[in-house]
Protein backbone atom coordinates (compact mmCIF):
# COMPACT_ATOMS: atom_id res chain seq x y z
CA MET A 1 -1.56 -43.66 -79.14
CA VAL A 2 -1.74 -42.13 -75.67
CA GLU A 3 -1.38 -45.59 -74.15
CA LYS A 4 1.70 -46.29 -76.25
CA VAL A 5 3.33 -42.99 -75.23
CA SER A 6 2.49 -43.69 -71.61
CA ILE A 7 4.01 -47.18 -71.81
CA ILE A 8 7.17 -45.77 -73.47
CA VAL A 9 7.54 -43.02 -70.85
CA PHE A 10 6.91 -45.49 -68.04
CA SER A 11 9.51 -47.90 -69.49
CA ILE A 12 12.10 -45.13 -69.72
CA ILE A 13 11.45 -44.14 -66.13
CA VAL A 14 11.77 -47.74 -64.95
CA LEU A 15 14.95 -48.17 -67.01
CA LEU A 16 16.55 -44.99 -65.64
CA GLY A 17 15.42 -45.84 -62.10
CA GLY A 18 16.82 -49.35 -62.42
CA THR A 19 20.09 -48.05 -63.83
CA GLY A 20 20.38 -45.48 -61.07
CA LEU A 21 19.67 -48.10 -58.42
CA ALA A 22 22.28 -50.43 -59.94
CA VAL A 23 24.87 -47.67 -60.06
CA PHE A 24 24.34 -46.33 -56.56
CA SER A 25 24.13 -49.82 -55.11
CA HIS A 26 27.85 -50.13 -55.72
CA PRO A 27 29.58 -50.47 -52.33
CA ALA A 28 31.86 -47.53 -53.05
CA PHE A 29 28.94 -45.17 -52.38
CA GLY A 30 28.32 -46.69 -48.96
CA LEU A 31 24.68 -45.66 -48.82
CA TRP A 32 23.65 -48.09 -46.09
CA ARG A 33 25.50 -46.92 -42.98
CA HIS A 34 23.57 -46.34 -39.79
CA ARG A 35 25.36 -48.08 -36.89
CA SER A 36 27.26 -45.03 -35.62
CA LYS A 37 24.20 -42.76 -35.46
CA GLU A 38 23.88 -42.66 -31.68
CA ARG A 39 27.52 -41.84 -31.07
CA ILE A 40 27.58 -39.30 -33.91
CA GLN A 41 24.61 -37.37 -32.54
CA SER A 42 26.10 -37.29 -29.02
CA SER A 43 29.26 -35.58 -30.27
CA PRO A 44 29.85 -32.00 -29.08
CA ASN A 45 30.70 -31.19 -32.70
CA TRP A 46 27.22 -32.25 -33.93
CA HIS A 47 24.69 -29.37 -34.12
CA GLU A 48 21.24 -29.27 -35.75
CA GLY A 49 21.58 -32.44 -37.71
CA MET A 50 25.20 -32.22 -38.96
CA PHE A 51 28.80 -31.82 -37.93
CA ARG A 52 30.06 -28.25 -37.75
CA ASN A 53 33.46 -26.62 -38.01
CA GLN A 54 34.85 -24.68 -35.13
CA GLU A 55 34.38 -21.46 -37.08
CA PRO A 56 31.53 -20.53 -39.47
CA THR A 57 32.54 -22.04 -42.80
CA PRO A 58 30.60 -21.36 -45.99
CA GLN A 59 31.40 -24.07 -48.49
CA PHE A 60 31.50 -21.72 -51.53
CA THR A 61 32.16 -18.03 -51.84
CA GLY A 62 32.41 -15.56 -54.73
CA ASP A 63 30.24 -14.90 -57.76
CA THR A 64 29.51 -18.59 -58.45
CA ALA A 65 28.79 -19.56 -54.89
CA SER A 66 26.76 -22.67 -55.63
CA THR A 67 27.48 -26.30 -56.34
CA SER A 68 26.08 -26.13 -59.84
CA GLY A 69 27.97 -22.93 -60.68
CA ILE A 70 31.28 -24.28 -59.44
CA LEU A 71 30.75 -27.60 -61.20
CA TRP A 72 29.95 -25.89 -64.50
CA ARG A 73 33.08 -23.73 -64.34
CA PHE A 74 35.18 -26.76 -63.49
CA LEU A 75 33.79 -28.85 -66.36
CA THR A 76 34.05 -26.06 -68.95
CA ASN A 77 37.51 -24.83 -67.98
CA ARG A 78 39.89 -25.99 -70.75
CA ASP A 79 43.16 -24.47 -69.50
CA LYS A 80 45.87 -26.88 -70.66
CA LEU A 81 48.06 -25.89 -67.71
CA ARG A 82 45.80 -27.79 -65.36
CA VAL A 83 47.39 -31.08 -66.50
CA PRO A 84 51.06 -31.74 -67.33
CA GLN A 85 51.68 -32.58 -70.95
CA GLU A 86 54.59 -34.93 -70.18
CA PRO A 87 54.87 -37.72 -67.62
CA LEU A 88 55.91 -36.44 -64.17
CA PRO A 89 59.04 -37.91 -62.60
CA ALA A 90 58.20 -40.78 -60.25
CA VAL A 91 60.11 -43.59 -58.60
CA LYS A 92 58.80 -47.16 -58.13
CA THR A 93 60.23 -48.18 -54.74
CA ASP A 94 60.00 -51.70 -53.32
CA ILE A 95 58.29 -50.44 -50.16
CA LYS A 96 57.46 -53.96 -48.95
CA ASN A 97 61.14 -54.48 -48.19
CA LEU A 98 62.03 -51.09 -46.72
CA PRO A 99 63.57 -51.61 -43.27
CA THR A 100 61.69 -50.17 -40.32
CA ASP A 101 64.76 -49.30 -38.21
CA SER A 102 64.65 -45.63 -39.32
CA ASP A 103 61.98 -42.95 -39.98
CA TRP A 104 61.04 -42.46 -43.64
CA LEU A 105 58.15 -41.55 -45.86
CA VAL A 106 57.03 -42.43 -49.37
CA TRP A 107 54.44 -40.25 -51.12
CA PHE A 108 52.09 -41.80 -53.70
CA GLY A 109 50.83 -38.44 -55.03
CA HIS A 110 47.90 -36.26 -53.97
CA SER A 111 47.14 -37.06 -50.24
CA SER A 112 48.25 -40.71 -50.15
CA TYR A 113 51.44 -41.57 -48.29
CA LEU A 114 53.13 -44.15 -46.14
CA PHE A 115 55.52 -43.30 -43.39
CA CYS A 116 57.52 -45.25 -40.82
CA LEU A 117 57.72 -43.86 -37.32
CA ASP A 118 59.49 -45.66 -34.53
CA GLY A 119 59.32 -48.94 -36.43
CA LYS A 120 55.62 -48.74 -37.24
CA ARG A 121 54.20 -48.41 -40.77
CA ILE A 122 51.43 -45.80 -40.97
CA LEU A 123 49.42 -45.40 -44.18
CA VAL A 124 47.31 -42.28 -44.81
CA ASP A 125 44.36 -41.85 -47.17
CA PRO A 126 45.45 -44.41 -49.83
CA VAL A 127 43.93 -43.97 -53.27
CA LEU A 128 45.81 -46.41 -55.51
CA GLN A 129 43.23 -48.26 -57.58
CA PRO A 130 41.66 -46.57 -60.69
CA GLU A 131 38.45 -48.58 -60.56
CA TRP A 132 34.90 -47.45 -61.35
CA PRO A 133 33.28 -45.29 -60.06
CA SER A 134 36.26 -43.30 -58.73
CA SER A 135 37.94 -43.59 -62.13
CA MET A 136 35.11 -41.51 -63.61
CA MET A 137 35.84 -38.66 -61.18
CA MET A 138 39.65 -38.55 -61.05
CA LYS A 139 42.18 -39.12 -63.78
CA ALA A 140 45.80 -39.39 -62.71
CA PHE A 141 48.47 -37.24 -64.34
CA PRO A 142 50.77 -39.04 -66.76
CA GLY A 143 53.44 -41.02 -64.94
CA THR A 144 51.94 -40.68 -61.45
CA ASP A 145 49.74 -43.76 -61.27
CA ILE A 146 52.50 -46.31 -60.63
CA TYR A 147 51.47 -47.80 -57.27
CA ARG A 148 48.76 -50.39 -56.67
CA PRO A 149 47.35 -51.99 -53.48
CA ASP A 150 49.56 -55.02 -54.09
CA ASP A 151 52.61 -52.80 -53.55
CA ILE A 152 51.60 -51.96 -49.99
CA PRO A 153 53.28 -53.85 -47.17
CA ASP A 154 51.65 -54.97 -43.92
CA ILE A 155 50.29 -51.86 -42.25
CA ASP A 156 50.32 -51.27 -38.54
CA ILE A 157 47.92 -48.30 -38.65
CA LEU A 158 45.74 -47.01 -41.51
CA ILE A 159 44.50 -43.45 -41.01
CA VAL A 160 41.57 -42.12 -43.02
CA THR A 161 41.01 -38.36 -42.57
CA HIS A 162 37.59 -38.07 -44.20
CA GLU A 163 35.17 -39.67 -46.63
CA HIS A 164 35.87 -37.81 -49.91
CA TRP A 165 36.70 -39.89 -52.96
CA ASP A 166 40.20 -38.53 -53.29
CA HIS A 167 41.01 -39.68 -49.74
CA MET A 168 38.89 -42.81 -49.14
CA ASP A 169 38.99 -45.26 -52.07
CA TYR A 170 36.82 -48.34 -51.87
CA ALA A 171 38.89 -50.53 -54.20
CA THR A 172 42.17 -49.72 -52.44
CA LEU A 173 40.78 -50.27 -48.94
CA ARG A 174 39.15 -53.48 -50.06
CA ASP A 175 42.35 -54.90 -51.49
CA ILE A 176 44.61 -53.99 -48.54
CA ARG A 177 42.16 -55.01 -45.80
CA GLN A 178 43.93 -58.28 -44.90
CA ARG A 179 47.23 -56.43 -44.44
CA VAL A 180 45.88 -53.74 -42.11
CA LYS A 181 46.17 -54.33 -38.36
CA LYS A 182 44.35 -51.20 -37.17
CA VAL A 183 42.31 -48.39 -38.67
CA VAL A 184 41.91 -44.96 -37.12
CA CYS A 185 39.20 -42.66 -38.53
CA PRO A 186 36.78 -39.83 -37.64
CA LEU A 187 33.20 -40.43 -36.53
CA GLY A 188 30.97 -42.02 -39.19
CA ILE A 189 33.76 -43.47 -41.34
CA ALA A 190 33.65 -46.81 -39.50
CA ASP A 191 30.29 -47.59 -41.08
CA TYR A 192 31.85 -47.45 -44.53
CA LEU A 193 34.72 -49.70 -43.41
CA ARG A 194 32.40 -52.25 -41.82
CA TYR A 195 30.36 -52.29 -44.99
CA TRP A 196 33.58 -52.93 -46.93
CA GLY A 197 34.58 -55.89 -44.78
CA TYR A 198 36.64 -54.42 -41.94
CA SER A 199 36.00 -55.84 -38.47
CA ASP A 200 35.09 -53.92 -35.34
CA GLN A 201 38.33 -55.14 -33.82
CA GLN A 202 40.30 -53.37 -36.56
CA ILE A 203 38.56 -49.96 -36.28
CA THR A 204 38.91 -47.12 -33.80
CA GLU A 205 36.54 -44.29 -34.55
CA MET A 206 37.42 -40.92 -32.97
CA ASP A 207 35.97 -37.50 -32.28
CA TRP A 208 38.02 -34.29 -32.14
CA ALA A 209 40.20 -34.12 -29.00
CA GLU A 210 40.07 -37.87 -28.35
CA GLU A 211 43.29 -39.72 -27.76
CA LEU A 212 44.20 -43.31 -28.52
CA GLU A 213 47.06 -45.04 -26.69
CA ILE A 214 48.37 -48.06 -28.54
CA LYS A 215 50.50 -49.53 -25.80
CA ASN A 216 51.93 -52.50 -27.67
CA TYR A 217 53.05 -50.02 -30.34
CA GLU A 218 54.08 -47.27 -27.89
CA LEU A 219 52.11 -44.77 -29.97
CA ARG A 220 49.60 -42.13 -29.13
CA ILE A 221 47.20 -40.81 -31.80
CA THR A 222 45.10 -37.72 -31.19
CA CYS A 223 42.16 -36.79 -33.40
CA LEU A 224 42.24 -33.04 -34.03
CA PRO A 225 39.99 -30.55 -35.86
CA SER A 226 40.18 -29.48 -39.45
CA ARG A 227 38.08 -26.96 -41.35
CA HIS A 228 36.39 -28.89 -44.10
CA PHE A 229 33.16 -30.76 -44.89
CA SER A 230 31.92 -34.20 -45.85
CA ASN A 231 29.65 -35.70 -48.49
CA ARG A 232 30.36 -38.85 -50.48
CA LEU A 233 27.90 -37.95 -53.25
CA LEU A 234 24.23 -38.05 -52.36
CA GLY A 235 22.25 -37.07 -49.33
CA ARG A 236 22.86 -34.47 -46.67
CA ARG A 237 26.27 -32.97 -46.11
CA ASN A 238 28.40 -33.26 -43.01
CA GLN A 239 26.97 -36.54 -41.71
CA THR A 240 30.50 -37.87 -41.05
CA LEU A 241 33.36 -36.04 -39.42
CA TRP A 242 36.59 -34.79 -41.00
CA ALA A 243 39.82 -34.52 -39.03
CA SER A 244 43.56 -34.03 -38.77
CA PHE A 245 45.71 -36.24 -36.53
CA MET A 246 48.80 -36.09 -34.36
CA VAL A 247 50.88 -39.21 -34.09
CA GLU A 248 53.39 -39.40 -31.25
CA ALA A 249 56.06 -42.03 -30.70
CA ASN A 250 58.49 -41.54 -27.85
CA ASP A 251 59.87 -38.04 -28.39
CA ARG A 252 58.79 -37.69 -32.00
CA LYS A 253 55.61 -36.04 -33.33
CA VAL A 254 54.07 -36.20 -36.82
CA TYR A 255 51.06 -34.06 -37.75
CA ILE A 256 48.66 -35.31 -40.44
CA GLY A 257 46.82 -32.20 -41.64
CA GLY A 258 44.12 -33.77 -43.81
CA ASP A 259 42.04 -31.31 -45.85
CA GLY A 260 40.84 -27.93 -44.69
CA GLY A 261 41.00 -24.17 -44.86
CA TYR A 262 43.04 -21.99 -42.54
CA ASP A 263 41.92 -21.22 -38.99
CA LYS A 264 43.25 -20.97 -35.44
CA ARG A 265 43.98 -24.68 -35.12
CA PHE A 266 47.58 -24.44 -36.35
CA ALA A 267 48.54 -21.96 -33.64
CA GLU A 268 46.63 -24.02 -31.10
CA ILE A 269 48.47 -27.16 -32.10
CA TYR A 270 51.82 -25.41 -31.70
CA GLY A 271 50.68 -24.17 -28.29
CA ARG A 272 49.82 -27.70 -27.22
CA TYR A 273 52.60 -29.77 -28.82
CA GLY A 274 55.40 -27.36 -29.52
CA SER A 275 57.32 -27.72 -32.74
CA VAL A 276 56.37 -31.04 -34.36
CA ASP A 277 59.05 -33.03 -36.17
CA LEU A 278 57.09 -33.37 -39.41
CA ALA A 279 53.88 -31.82 -40.72
CA PHE A 280 51.94 -33.07 -43.75
CA LEU A 281 49.98 -30.05 -44.98
CA GLU A 282 47.41 -29.61 -47.73
CA ASN A 283 48.66 -27.63 -50.73
CA GLY A 284 46.62 -27.81 -53.94
CA GLN A 285 43.10 -27.96 -55.37
CA TYR A 286 42.48 -24.48 -53.98
CA ASN A 287 40.35 -21.69 -55.43
CA ALA A 288 38.97 -18.36 -54.18
CA ASN A 289 35.47 -19.84 -54.49
CA TRP A 290 36.24 -22.47 -51.80
CA LYS A 291 38.87 -20.64 -49.80
CA TYR A 292 37.42 -21.65 -46.42
CA ILE A 293 37.48 -25.42 -46.97
CA HIS A 294 40.90 -25.79 -48.64
CA THR A 295 44.23 -24.15 -47.99
CA THR A 296 45.10 -21.31 -50.36
CA PRO A 297 48.75 -20.40 -51.07
CA HIS A 298 48.59 -17.31 -48.80
CA ASP A 299 47.02 -19.38 -45.99
CA LEU A 300 49.57 -22.16 -46.43
CA GLU A 301 52.28 -19.69 -45.49
CA LYS A 302 50.30 -18.64 -42.40
CA ALA A 303 49.65 -22.24 -41.40
CA ILE A 304 53.35 -23.14 -41.70
CA LEU A 305 54.41 -20.18 -39.64
CA ASP A 306 51.73 -20.83 -36.98
CA LEU A 307 52.65 -24.53 -36.71
CA GLN A 308 56.43 -23.96 -36.67
CA ALA A 309 57.12 -27.55 -37.73
CA LYS A 310 60.71 -28.65 -38.04
CA GLN A 311 60.02 -30.22 -41.39
CA VAL A 312 57.07 -29.86 -43.84
CA PHE A 313 55.86 -32.11 -46.62
CA THR A 314 53.01 -30.71 -48.71
CA VAL A 315 50.40 -32.95 -50.30
CA HIS A 316 47.08 -32.74 -52.23
CA HIS A 317 48.83 -32.03 -55.56
CA ASP A 318 50.77 -33.58 -58.47
CA LYS A 319 48.28 -36.33 -59.31
CA TYR A 320 44.78 -35.03 -60.02
CA SER A 321 43.30 -31.79 -61.35
CA LEU A 322 40.45 -30.97 -59.00
CA ALA A 323 40.72 -27.22 -59.30
CA MET A 324 41.53 -24.64 -61.96
CA HIS A 325 45.08 -23.64 -61.03
CA PRO A 326 48.10 -24.79 -63.05
CA TRP A 327 49.25 -28.21 -62.03
CA TYR A 328 52.74 -27.07 -61.07
CA GLU A 329 51.67 -24.07 -58.98
CA PRO A 330 51.44 -25.85 -55.56
CA ASP A 331 55.02 -27.06 -55.83
CA ASN A 332 56.21 -23.53 -56.69
CA VAL A 333 54.21 -22.06 -53.82
CA ALA A 334 55.70 -24.43 -51.24
CA ARG A 335 59.28 -23.85 -52.53
CA SER A 336 58.80 -20.11 -52.46
CA ILE A 337 57.49 -20.15 -48.85
CA ALA A 338 60.39 -22.39 -47.78
CA ALA A 339 63.01 -20.15 -49.37
CA LYS A 340 61.43 -17.00 -47.94
CA HIS A 341 61.46 -18.27 -44.35
CA ASP A 342 64.43 -20.67 -44.52
CA LEU A 343 62.19 -23.70 -43.79
CA ARG A 344 63.04 -27.34 -44.27
CA LEU A 345 60.69 -28.46 -47.01
CA LEU A 346 60.87 -32.18 -47.78
CA ASP A 347 60.48 -31.89 -51.54
CA ALA A 348 60.55 -35.20 -53.39
CA PRO A 349 58.86 -36.87 -56.36
CA ILE A 350 56.25 -39.55 -56.04
CA GLY A 351 57.69 -42.84 -54.78
CA ALA A 352 61.04 -41.55 -53.56
CA ILE A 353 62.23 -42.55 -50.09
CA VAL A 354 62.45 -39.46 -47.84
CA ARG A 355 64.28 -39.69 -44.54
CA PHE A 356 63.10 -37.45 -41.78
């Protein structure tokens, strides 16, 4: 009897272990990435075995300041206002045939967008393919999931701000790889991309404060700080860098904010660059329990005023519910701030062509 029980227990362990190995062997998890280790550890932003923010940044705060506590509250929160009950308005634009003789942007929801600057197509954090395992973690709002990788035109520059699932999607990046001329990303992300089939010639990996001159494009891209964290799923946190980016073309400047809580960087960016022409800023998936790693409504107002951008487009909302606030709240917050300070908010539905 004891032997039978032992065999059953052993078989269950082997089965679970084999299943886990099969699941986490999926390339989306990117568990085998080691090539950038030497450069990562020589970064001035690497301290005591991980990347650090410029300011002390606890990941969670409040009365449930733990991963398990936060996850439990998220999974058990049944507020119907977190998800729209009707399809959101969205426009299916033929972006492959949009002319590149003017500056425009098309937002795909959440933090995925394509913009044209000085004749160059720049794609940011594309998440367009509801494929396992990301489909288990994020469910798009009704009406918002209308773009697929096949809709994406040839891309001059792909920018990935960090490794989180809602910003770096394996299936999307796999399917657009042949149409991407160049990828710009923070330290550590290149190992994922190589694992997913991108060549070294395509990838430029950057640390904060590094600049990239693309002479044949007449573009300059600067990797700038953010206040966030990294962790794909398993293992130690903050083994890859997170970032924001400034893209400059002739006399025009576009700031890509990425994810991150409020800090001094917005005022510093204004001090260095002056008033940028367009700023993409995070607005959504916020909560008091993670107020240092995502931008809260109050801090969004401060960030906008510090940055003094000529035009603002807010992202990180209107597609997924990754926090407990009502789905419509980020839009209302941005509109309220714009009205209060007479700001030019570029406010458009998913897929609409926005000229800037």
